[in-house]
N, C-alpha and C. Protein backbone atom coordinates (compact mmCIF):
# COMPACT_ATOMS: atom_id res chain seq x y z
N MET A 1 -2.01 -25.32 23.47
CA MET A 1 -0.93 -25.71 22.78
C MET A 1 -0.68 -24.62 21.58
N PHE A 2 0.60 -24.27 21.57
CA PHE A 2 1.05 -23.34 20.68
C PHE A 2 1.95 -23.98 19.52
N LEU A 3 1.40 -23.70 18.26
CA LEU A 3 2.23 -24.37 17.41
C LEU A 3 2.98 -23.23 16.20
N PHE A 4 3.43 -22.26 16.74
CA PHE A 4 4.26 -21.36 15.94
C PHE A 4 5.52 -21.76 15.49
N HIS A 5 6.15 -22.30 16.51
CA HIS A 5 7.64 -22.55 16.12
C HIS A 5 7.85 -24.07 16.32
N GLN A 6 7.59 -24.68 15.04
CA GLN A 6 7.73 -26.34 14.98
C GLN A 6 9.26 -26.84 14.74
N PRO A 7 9.30 -27.81 15.37
CA PRO A 7 10.80 -28.46 15.09
C PRO A 7 10.78 -28.60 13.39
N GLN A 8 11.83 -28.90 12.99
CA GLN A 8 12.11 -29.36 11.69
C GLN A 8 11.38 -30.65 11.16
N GLY A 9 10.70 -30.73 10.18
CA GLY A 9 10.03 -31.94 9.80
C GLY A 9 8.65 -32.05 10.41
N PHE A 10 8.00 -31.24 11.14
CA PHE A 10 6.88 -31.11 11.53
C PHE A 10 5.90 -30.89 10.63
N ARG A 11 4.85 -31.46 10.31
CA ARG A 11 3.79 -31.37 9.58
C ARG A 11 2.41 -31.30 10.00
N HIS A 12 1.66 -30.20 9.98
CA HIS A 12 0.41 -29.78 10.66
C HIS A 12 -0.79 -30.78 10.20
N SER A 13 -0.53 -31.41 8.76
CA SER A 13 -1.44 -32.25 8.33
C SER A 13 -1.47 -33.60 9.18
N THR A 14 -0.24 -34.01 9.44
CA THR A 14 -0.07 -35.36 10.36
C THR A 14 -0.56 -35.05 11.77
N PHE A 15 -0.24 -33.87 12.43
CA PHE A 15 -0.83 -33.41 13.47
C PHE A 15 -2.46 -33.24 13.79
N LEU A 16 -2.93 -33.01 12.65
CA LEU A 16 -4.55 -33.00 12.78
C LEU A 16 -5.10 -34.18 12.60
N VAL A 17 -4.57 -35.35 12.31
CA VAL A 17 -5.30 -36.62 12.49
C VAL A 17 -5.13 -37.28 13.78
N GLY A 18 -4.32 -36.65 14.87
CA GLY A 18 -4.08 -37.42 15.97
C GLY A 18 -5.34 -37.39 16.95
N TYR A 19 -5.73 -38.61 17.22
CA TYR A 19 -6.75 -38.88 18.27
C TYR A 19 -6.63 -38.08 19.53
N GLU A 20 -5.41 -37.83 19.94
CA GLU A 20 -5.12 -37.18 21.02
C GLU A 20 -5.72 -35.68 21.15
N LEU A 21 -5.87 -35.16 20.07
CA LEU A 21 -6.53 -33.77 19.95
C LEU A 21 -7.62 -33.55 20.71
N ARG A 22 -8.25 -34.86 20.91
CA ARG A 22 -9.62 -34.62 21.78
C ARG A 22 -9.62 -34.09 23.17
N ARG A 23 -8.00 -33.80 23.73
CA ARG A 23 -7.88 -33.45 24.94
C ARG A 23 -7.74 -31.80 25.00
N LEU A 24 -7.61 -31.31 23.91
CA LEU A 24 -7.02 -29.97 23.80
C LEU A 24 -8.31 -28.99 24.07
N ARG A 25 -7.90 -27.91 24.62
CA ARG A 25 -8.92 -26.94 24.91
C ARG A 25 -8.60 -25.75 24.45
N LYS A 26 -7.23 -25.27 24.07
CA LYS A 26 -7.01 -24.17 23.50
C LYS A 26 -5.88 -24.49 22.29
N LEU A 27 -5.96 -23.85 21.22
CA LEU A 27 -5.09 -24.18 20.12
C LEU A 27 -4.64 -22.95 19.38
N SER A 28 -3.42 -22.68 19.42
CA SER A 28 -3.01 -21.63 18.53
C SER A 28 -1.91 -21.97 17.36
N MET A 29 -2.31 -21.59 16.06
CA MET A 29 -1.57 -22.05 14.93
C MET A 29 -1.21 -21.02 14.15
N GLY A 30 0.00 -20.95 13.59
CA GLY A 30 0.46 -19.94 12.82
C GLY A 30 1.37 -20.52 11.53
N PHE A 31 0.88 -19.99 10.36
CA PHE A 31 1.44 -20.16 9.03
C PHE A 31 1.73 -21.76 8.88
N CYS A 32 0.50 -22.39 8.81
CA CYS A 32 0.57 -23.93 8.58
C CYS A 32 0.85 -24.52 7.42
N ASP A 33 1.39 -25.54 7.13
CA ASP A 33 1.68 -26.09 5.73
C ASP A 33 0.26 -26.85 5.26
N ALA A 34 -0.68 -27.18 6.37
CA ALA A 34 -1.95 -27.69 6.02
C ALA A 34 -2.87 -26.51 5.68
N PRO A 35 -3.79 -26.96 4.67
CA PRO A 35 -4.99 -25.71 4.38
C PRO A 35 -5.93 -25.62 5.78
N PHE A 36 -6.41 -24.40 5.61
CA PHE A 36 -7.45 -24.30 6.86
C PHE A 36 -8.60 -25.50 6.84
N SER A 37 -8.85 -25.77 5.60
CA SER A 37 -10.03 -26.50 5.17
C SER A 37 -9.77 -28.08 6.23
N ALA A 38 -8.46 -28.50 6.27
CA ALA A 38 -7.96 -29.51 7.05
C ALA A 38 -8.28 -29.38 8.48
N LEU A 39 -8.22 -28.31 9.03
CA LEU A 39 -8.39 -27.81 10.48
C LEU A 39 -10.23 -27.86 10.54
N ALA A 40 -10.65 -27.30 9.52
CA ALA A 40 -11.96 -27.10 9.80
C ALA A 40 -12.71 -28.40 9.72
N ALA A 41 -12.16 -29.40 9.21
CA ALA A 41 -12.94 -30.72 9.15
C ALA A 41 -12.41 -31.48 10.18
N CYS A 42 -11.46 -31.15 11.12
CA CYS A 42 -10.89 -32.12 11.97
C CYS A 42 -11.91 -32.78 13.08
N PRO A 43 -12.21 -33.82 12.96
CA PRO A 43 -13.03 -34.39 13.75
C PRO A 43 -12.64 -34.64 15.38
N HIS A 44 -11.44 -34.28 15.75
CA HIS A 44 -10.88 -34.84 16.98
C HIS A 44 -10.80 -33.57 17.95
N LEU A 45 -11.20 -32.27 17.66
CA LEU A 45 -11.09 -31.22 18.43
C LEU A 45 -12.54 -30.94 19.30
N THR A 46 -12.90 -32.01 19.93
CA THR A 46 -14.00 -32.03 20.58
C THR A 46 -14.32 -31.17 21.78
N GLN A 47 -13.22 -30.94 22.52
CA GLN A 47 -12.99 -30.19 23.60
C GLN A 47 -12.63 -28.89 23.59
N LEU A 48 -12.21 -28.42 22.38
CA LEU A 48 -11.58 -27.15 22.12
C LEU A 48 -12.35 -25.99 22.58
N ARG A 49 -11.96 -25.15 23.20
CA ARG A 49 -12.77 -23.95 23.59
C ARG A 49 -12.19 -22.48 23.06
N GLU A 50 -10.91 -22.71 22.62
CA GLU A 50 -10.20 -21.52 22.00
C GLU A 50 -9.51 -22.01 20.79
N LEU A 51 -9.67 -21.23 19.77
CA LEU A 51 -8.74 -21.38 18.43
C LEU A 51 -8.24 -20.12 17.86
N TRP A 52 -6.92 -20.09 17.95
CA TRP A 52 -6.41 -18.79 17.13
C TRP A 52 -5.48 -19.37 16.04
N VAL A 53 -5.56 -18.90 14.73
CA VAL A 53 -4.99 -19.26 13.57
C VAL A 53 -4.51 -17.96 12.89
N ARG A 54 -3.33 -17.88 12.81
CA ARG A 54 -2.39 -16.79 12.02
C ARG A 54 -1.72 -17.08 10.78
N GLY A 55 -2.04 -16.32 9.61
CA GLY A 55 -1.37 -16.54 8.42
C GLY A 55 -1.84 -17.86 7.45
N SER A 56 -3.06 -17.86 7.58
CA SER A 56 -3.83 -18.94 6.95
C SER A 56 -4.71 -18.44 5.87
N THR A 57 -5.15 -19.01 4.59
CA THR A 57 -5.91 -18.58 3.79
C THR A 57 -7.33 -19.33 4.17
N ILE A 58 -8.41 -18.53 4.39
CA ILE A 58 -9.68 -19.08 4.87
C ILE A 58 -10.75 -18.77 3.73
N THR A 59 -11.54 -19.80 3.28
CA THR A 59 -12.41 -19.52 2.35
C THR A 59 -13.82 -19.57 2.99
N ASP A 60 -14.78 -19.15 2.32
CA ASP A 60 -16.39 -19.23 2.54
C ASP A 60 -16.51 -20.68 3.02
N GLY A 61 -16.10 -21.57 2.00
CA GLY A 61 -16.35 -22.72 2.20
C GLY A 61 -15.64 -23.45 3.42
N ASP A 62 -14.67 -23.15 3.81
CA ASP A 62 -13.80 -23.68 5.04
C ASP A 62 -14.68 -22.98 6.43
N VAL A 63 -15.35 -21.73 6.12
CA VAL A 63 -16.06 -21.47 7.36
C VAL A 63 -17.11 -22.48 7.43
N THR A 64 -17.96 -22.44 6.32
CA THR A 64 -19.03 -23.28 6.40
C THR A 64 -18.62 -24.86 6.89
N THR A 65 -17.67 -25.36 6.45
CA THR A 65 -17.22 -26.58 6.89
C THR A 65 -17.01 -26.58 8.57
N MET A 66 -16.56 -25.62 8.89
CA MET A 66 -16.10 -25.40 10.38
C MET A 66 -17.44 -25.50 11.17
N LEU A 67 -18.45 -24.56 10.72
CA LEU A 67 -19.60 -24.43 11.52
C LEU A 67 -20.48 -25.61 11.48
N ALA A 68 -20.38 -26.52 10.47
CA ALA A 68 -21.16 -27.67 10.35
C ALA A 68 -20.46 -28.92 11.17
N ASN A 69 -19.24 -28.66 11.51
CA ASN A 69 -18.61 -29.73 12.15
C ASN A 69 -18.84 -29.78 13.57
N PRO A 70 -19.49 -30.79 14.21
CA PRO A 70 -19.86 -30.73 15.66
C PRO A 70 -18.65 -30.93 16.59
N ALA A 71 -17.56 -31.14 16.04
CA ALA A 71 -16.26 -31.03 16.94
C ALA A 71 -16.18 -29.65 17.48
N PHE A 72 -16.59 -28.64 16.73
CA PHE A 72 -16.43 -27.18 17.28
C PHE A 72 -17.53 -26.90 18.21
N ALA A 73 -18.50 -27.70 18.50
CA ALA A 73 -19.70 -27.26 19.34
C ALA A 73 -19.20 -26.47 20.53
N ARG A 74 -18.32 -26.65 21.26
CA ARG A 74 -17.77 -26.20 22.45
C ARG A 74 -16.89 -25.02 22.23
N LEU A 75 -16.54 -24.61 20.89
CA LEU A 75 -15.85 -23.42 20.80
C LEU A 75 -16.38 -22.07 21.16
N ARG A 76 -15.63 -21.25 21.87
CA ARG A 76 -16.24 -20.15 22.46
C ARG A 76 -15.34 -18.84 21.68
N ARG A 77 -14.16 -18.91 21.72
CA ARG A 77 -13.22 -17.81 21.10
C ARG A 77 -12.54 -18.37 19.84
N LEU A 78 -12.57 -17.57 18.84
CA LEU A 78 -11.82 -17.85 17.66
C LEU A 78 -11.34 -16.50 17.01
N GLY A 79 -10.12 -16.57 16.97
CA GLY A 79 -9.23 -15.56 16.32
C GLY A 79 -8.50 -15.99 14.98
N LEU A 80 -9.08 -15.29 13.99
CA LEU A 80 -8.28 -15.33 12.63
C LEU A 80 -7.51 -14.12 12.29
N HIS A 81 -6.33 -14.33 11.94
CA HIS A 81 -5.51 -13.20 11.61
C HIS A 81 -4.81 -13.41 10.19
């Protein structure tokens, strides 16, 4: 799923709470309105294999949160730009 060109009114923060995310295997996001910490803490990305994020500020704490999140156990590719 690519989230670079969202329709007007789209909110990443609302998207990240959706239970349906458990089916995603690849996610590409760019220039989010939600902080990276919301993505790093998301419990629903349990099948995610690839994650590409562009244009987001990422802190050391965000990385720590993501590494501790069991939802990312299957992640094999991570791209941060």
